[in-house]
């Protein structure tokens, strides 16, 4: 399920958590940033969102990529 689309339909009644595709966390930093920013855009549309992955982080995600994802979350300001 896509939190961005669900926010358009139910954002006035729900808060969304996670939904960043955990598979993307094993890809490039550009792809990680793009996925994160798309989901975090919920807050710019007036919705409520708590950043996180959609599932447990798989073992093929490097520590460097995970730290980068955590940095994006910390730096994000709606």
N, C-alpha and C. Protein backbone atom coordinates (compact mmCIF):
# COMPACT_ATOMS: atom_id res chain seq x y z
N UNK A 1 0.84 -1.18 0.00
CA UNK A 1 0.00 0.00 0.00
C UNK A 1 0.89 1.24 0.00
N UNK A 2 0.46 2.23 -0.69
CA UNK A 2 1.24 3.45 -0.83
C UNK A 2 0.68 4.54 0.09
N UNK A 3 1.48 4.94 1.07
CA UNK A 3 1.03 5.95 2.03
C UNK A 3 0.72 7.28 1.37
N UNK A 4 1.40 7.61 0.30
CA UNK A 4 1.15 8.88 -0.38
C UNK A 4 -0.28 8.89 -0.94
N UNK A 5 -0.65 7.81 -1.59
CA UNK A 5 -2.01 7.72 -2.14
C UNK A 5 -3.04 7.62 -1.02
N UNK A 6 -2.76 6.83 -0.01
CA UNK A 6 -3.69 6.71 1.12
C UNK A 6 -3.88 8.04 1.83
N UNK A 7 -2.81 8.83 1.88
CA UNK A 7 -2.92 10.15 2.52
C UNK A 7 -3.90 11.04 1.77
N UNK A 8 -3.92 10.92 0.45
CA UNK A 8 -4.86 11.72 -0.34
C UNK A 8 -6.30 11.35 -0.02
N UNK A 9 -6.53 10.09 0.31
CA UNK A 9 -7.89 9.63 0.59
C UNK A 9 -8.28 9.76 2.06
N UNK A 10 -7.32 9.53 2.97
CA UNK A 10 -7.67 9.44 4.39
C UNK A 10 -6.78 10.30 5.30
N UNK A 11 -5.97 11.16 4.72
CA UNK A 11 -4.99 11.92 5.49
C UNK A 11 -5.57 12.79 6.58
N UNK A 12 -6.83 13.17 6.44
CA UNK A 12 -7.45 13.99 7.47
C UNK A 12 -7.83 13.17 8.70
N UNK A 13 -7.73 11.83 8.59
CA UNK A 13 -8.14 10.96 9.69
C UNK A 13 -7.05 10.02 10.17
N UNK A 14 -5.95 9.90 9.43
CA UNK A 14 -4.93 8.91 9.77
C UNK A 14 -3.54 9.54 9.86
N UNK A 15 -2.68 8.89 10.62
CA UNK A 15 -1.25 9.19 10.64
C UNK A 15 -0.56 7.98 10.05
N UNK A 16 0.41 8.20 9.20
CA UNK A 16 1.11 7.10 8.54
C UNK A 16 2.49 6.92 9.14
N UNK A 17 2.92 5.66 9.20
CA UNK A 17 4.24 5.34 9.74
C UNK A 17 4.92 4.36 8.79
N UNK A 18 6.22 4.56 8.60
CA UNK A 18 6.99 3.65 7.75
C UNK A 18 6.72 3.87 6.29
N UNK A 19 6.56 2.79 5.55
CA UNK A 19 6.19 2.79 4.14
C UNK A 19 7.34 3.12 3.20
N UNK A 20 8.54 3.37 3.72
CA UNK A 20 9.70 3.50 2.83
C UNK A 20 10.11 2.08 2.46
N UNK A 21 10.15 1.79 1.18
CA UNK A 21 10.43 0.44 0.69
C UNK A 21 11.81 -0.01 1.18
N UNK A 22 11.84 -1.02 2.03
CA UNK A 22 13.09 -1.52 2.61
C UNK A 22 14.04 -2.03 1.53
N UNK A 23 13.52 -2.49 0.40
CA UNK A 23 14.38 -2.97 -0.69
C UNK A 23 15.19 -1.82 -1.29
N UNK A 24 14.64 -0.62 -1.26
CA UNK A 24 15.34 0.54 -1.82
C UNK A 24 16.56 0.88 -0.97
N UNK A 25 16.55 0.54 0.30
CA UNK A 25 17.67 0.87 1.17
C UNK A 25 18.96 0.16 0.77
N UNK A 26 18.88 -0.84 -0.08
CA UNK A 26 20.09 -1.52 -0.57
C UNK A 26 20.57 -0.93 -1.89
N UNK A 27 19.91 0.09 -2.37
CA UNK A 27 20.26 0.70 -3.66
C UNK A 27 21.12 1.94 -3.45
N UNK A 28 21.17 2.81 -4.43
CA UNK A 28 22.02 4.00 -4.37
C UNK A 28 21.44 5.04 -3.40
N UNK A 29 22.29 5.93 -2.96
CA UNK A 29 21.85 7.01 -2.07
C UNK A 29 20.80 7.89 -2.75
N UNK A 30 20.95 8.09 -4.05
CA UNK A 30 19.97 8.89 -4.79
C UNK A 30 18.59 8.22 -4.76
N UNK A 31 18.58 6.90 -4.92
CA UNK A 31 17.30 6.18 -4.88
C UNK A 31 16.70 6.18 -3.48
N UNK A 32 17.56 6.08 -2.47
CA UNK A 32 17.09 6.15 -1.09
C UNK A 32 16.46 7.51 -0.82
N UNK A 33 17.17 8.57 -1.20
CA UNK A 33 16.66 9.92 -1.00
C UNK A 33 15.33 10.12 -1.72
N UNK A 34 15.24 9.67 -2.96
CA UNK A 34 14.02 9.83 -3.74
C UNK A 34 12.84 9.13 -3.07
N UNK A 35 13.04 7.89 -2.63
CA UNK A 35 11.98 7.14 -1.96
C UNK A 35 11.57 7.83 -0.66
N UNK A 36 12.56 8.26 0.12
CA UNK A 36 12.26 8.94 1.38
C UNK A 36 11.50 10.24 1.15
N UNK A 37 11.96 11.05 0.22
CA UNK A 37 11.31 12.34 -0.03
C UNK A 37 9.89 12.17 -0.54
N UNK A 38 9.67 11.14 -1.33
CA UNK A 38 8.30 10.89 -1.82
C UNK A 38 7.37 10.59 -0.66
N UNK A 39 7.80 9.78 0.26
CA UNK A 39 6.95 9.43 1.40
C UNK A 39 6.84 10.60 2.38
N UNK A 40 7.92 11.31 2.60
CA UNK A 40 7.90 12.45 3.52
C UNK A 40 7.07 13.60 2.96
N UNK A 41 6.80 13.57 1.65
CA UNK A 41 5.97 14.62 1.04
C UNK A 41 4.57 14.65 1.64
N UNK A 42 4.18 13.58 2.30
CA UNK A 42 2.88 13.53 2.96
C UNK A 42 2.70 14.73 3.89
N UNK A 43 3.76 15.08 4.60
CA UNK A 43 3.65 16.19 5.57
C UNK A 43 3.48 17.53 4.86
N UNK A 44 4.07 17.67 3.67
CA UNK A 44 3.90 18.92 2.92
C UNK A 44 2.48 19.05 2.39
N UNK A 45 1.78 17.93 2.28
CA UNK A 45 0.40 17.95 1.80
C UNK A 45 -0.59 18.06 2.97
N UNK A 46 -0.07 18.37 4.16
CA UNK A 46 -0.94 18.53 5.31
C UNK A 46 -1.20 17.26 6.09
N UNK A 47 -0.57 16.17 5.68
CA UNK A 47 -0.76 14.90 6.38
C UNK A 47 0.21 14.72 7.52
N UNK A 48 0.06 13.61 8.20
CA UNK A 48 0.93 13.27 9.32
C UNK A 48 1.70 12.01 8.97
N UNK A 49 3.02 12.02 9.22
CA UNK A 49 3.87 10.91 8.80
C UNK A 49 5.03 10.74 9.77
N UNK A 50 5.29 9.49 10.13
CA UNK A 50 6.46 9.11 10.94
C UNK A 50 7.32 8.24 10.04
N UNK A 51 8.51 8.70 9.74
CA UNK A 51 9.38 8.01 8.78
C UNK A 51 9.90 6.69 9.32
N UNK A 52 10.02 5.73 8.42
CA UNK A 52 10.57 4.42 8.75
C UNK A 52 10.42 3.49 7.56
N UNK A 53 11.04 2.32 7.65
CA UNK A 53 10.93 1.36 6.56
C UNK A 53 9.61 0.61 6.65
N UNK A 54 9.23 0.01 5.54
CA UNK A 54 7.95 -0.70 5.50
C UNK A 54 8.04 -2.08 6.13
N UNK A 55 9.22 -2.62 6.28
CA UNK A 55 9.44 -3.93 6.88
C UNK A 55 10.76 -3.89 7.65
N UNK A 56 11.12 -5.00 8.23
CA UNK A 56 12.45 -5.09 8.84
C UNK A 56 13.49 -4.83 7.76
N UNK A 57 14.58 -4.23 8.15
CA UNK A 57 15.62 -3.91 7.18
C UNK A 57 16.34 -5.21 6.81
N UNK A 58 16.39 -5.53 5.51
CA UNK A 58 17.00 -6.79 5.09
C UNK A 58 18.52 -6.79 5.29
N UNK A 59 19.10 -7.99 5.37
CA UNK A 59 20.54 -8.08 5.63
C UNK A 59 21.42 -7.56 4.50
N UNK A 60 20.87 -7.37 3.31
CA UNK A 60 21.70 -6.86 2.21
C UNK A 60 21.81 -5.34 2.20
N UNK A 61 21.23 -4.66 3.19
CA UNK A 61 21.37 -3.21 3.31
C UNK A 61 22.66 -2.92 4.06
N UNK A 62 23.54 -2.17 3.44
CA UNK A 62 24.82 -1.86 4.07
C UNK A 62 24.62 -0.92 5.26
N UNK A 63 25.53 -0.97 6.19
CA UNK A 63 25.47 -0.07 7.34
C UNK A 63 25.55 1.38 6.87
N UNK A 64 26.36 1.63 5.86
CA UNK A 64 26.48 2.98 5.31
C UNK A 64 25.14 3.48 4.78
N UNK A 65 24.42 2.64 4.05
CA UNK A 65 23.12 3.04 3.53
C UNK A 65 22.11 3.25 4.65
N UNK A 66 22.15 2.40 5.65
CA UNK A 66 21.21 2.55 6.77
C UNK A 66 21.49 3.85 7.52
N UNK A 67 22.76 4.17 7.72
CA UNK A 67 23.11 5.42 8.39
C UNK A 67 22.65 6.61 7.54
N UNK A 68 22.78 6.50 6.23
CA UNK A 68 22.33 7.57 5.35
C UNK A 68 20.82 7.78 5.50
N UNK A 69 20.06 6.70 5.52
CA UNK A 69 18.62 6.77 5.71
C UNK A 69 18.28 7.43 7.05
N UNK A 70 18.98 7.03 8.09
CA UNK A 70 18.76 7.62 9.42
C UNK A 70 19.09 9.11 9.41
N UNK A 71 20.14 9.49 8.68
CA UNK A 71 20.52 10.90 8.56
C UNK A 71 19.42 11.70 7.85
N UNK A 72 18.84 11.14 6.80
CA UNK A 72 17.75 11.81 6.09
C UNK A 72 16.58 12.06 7.04
N UNK A 73 16.25 11.07 7.84
CA UNK A 73 15.14 11.22 8.78
C UNK A 73 15.44 12.32 9.79
N UNK A 74 16.66 12.31 10.33
CA UNK A 74 17.03 13.32 11.33
C UNK A 74 17.02 14.73 10.75
N UNK A 75 17.44 14.86 9.52
CA UNK A 75 17.56 16.19 8.91
C UNK A 75 16.24 16.71 8.35
N UNK A 76 15.27 15.82 8.19
CA UNK A 76 14.03 16.23 7.55
C UNK A 76 13.25 17.21 8.42
N UNK A 77 12.85 18.28 7.81
CA UNK A 77 12.03 19.28 8.48
C UNK A 77 10.86 19.61 7.56
N UNK A 78 9.65 19.28 7.97
CA UNK A 78 8.50 19.57 7.08
C UNK A 78 8.27 21.06 6.91
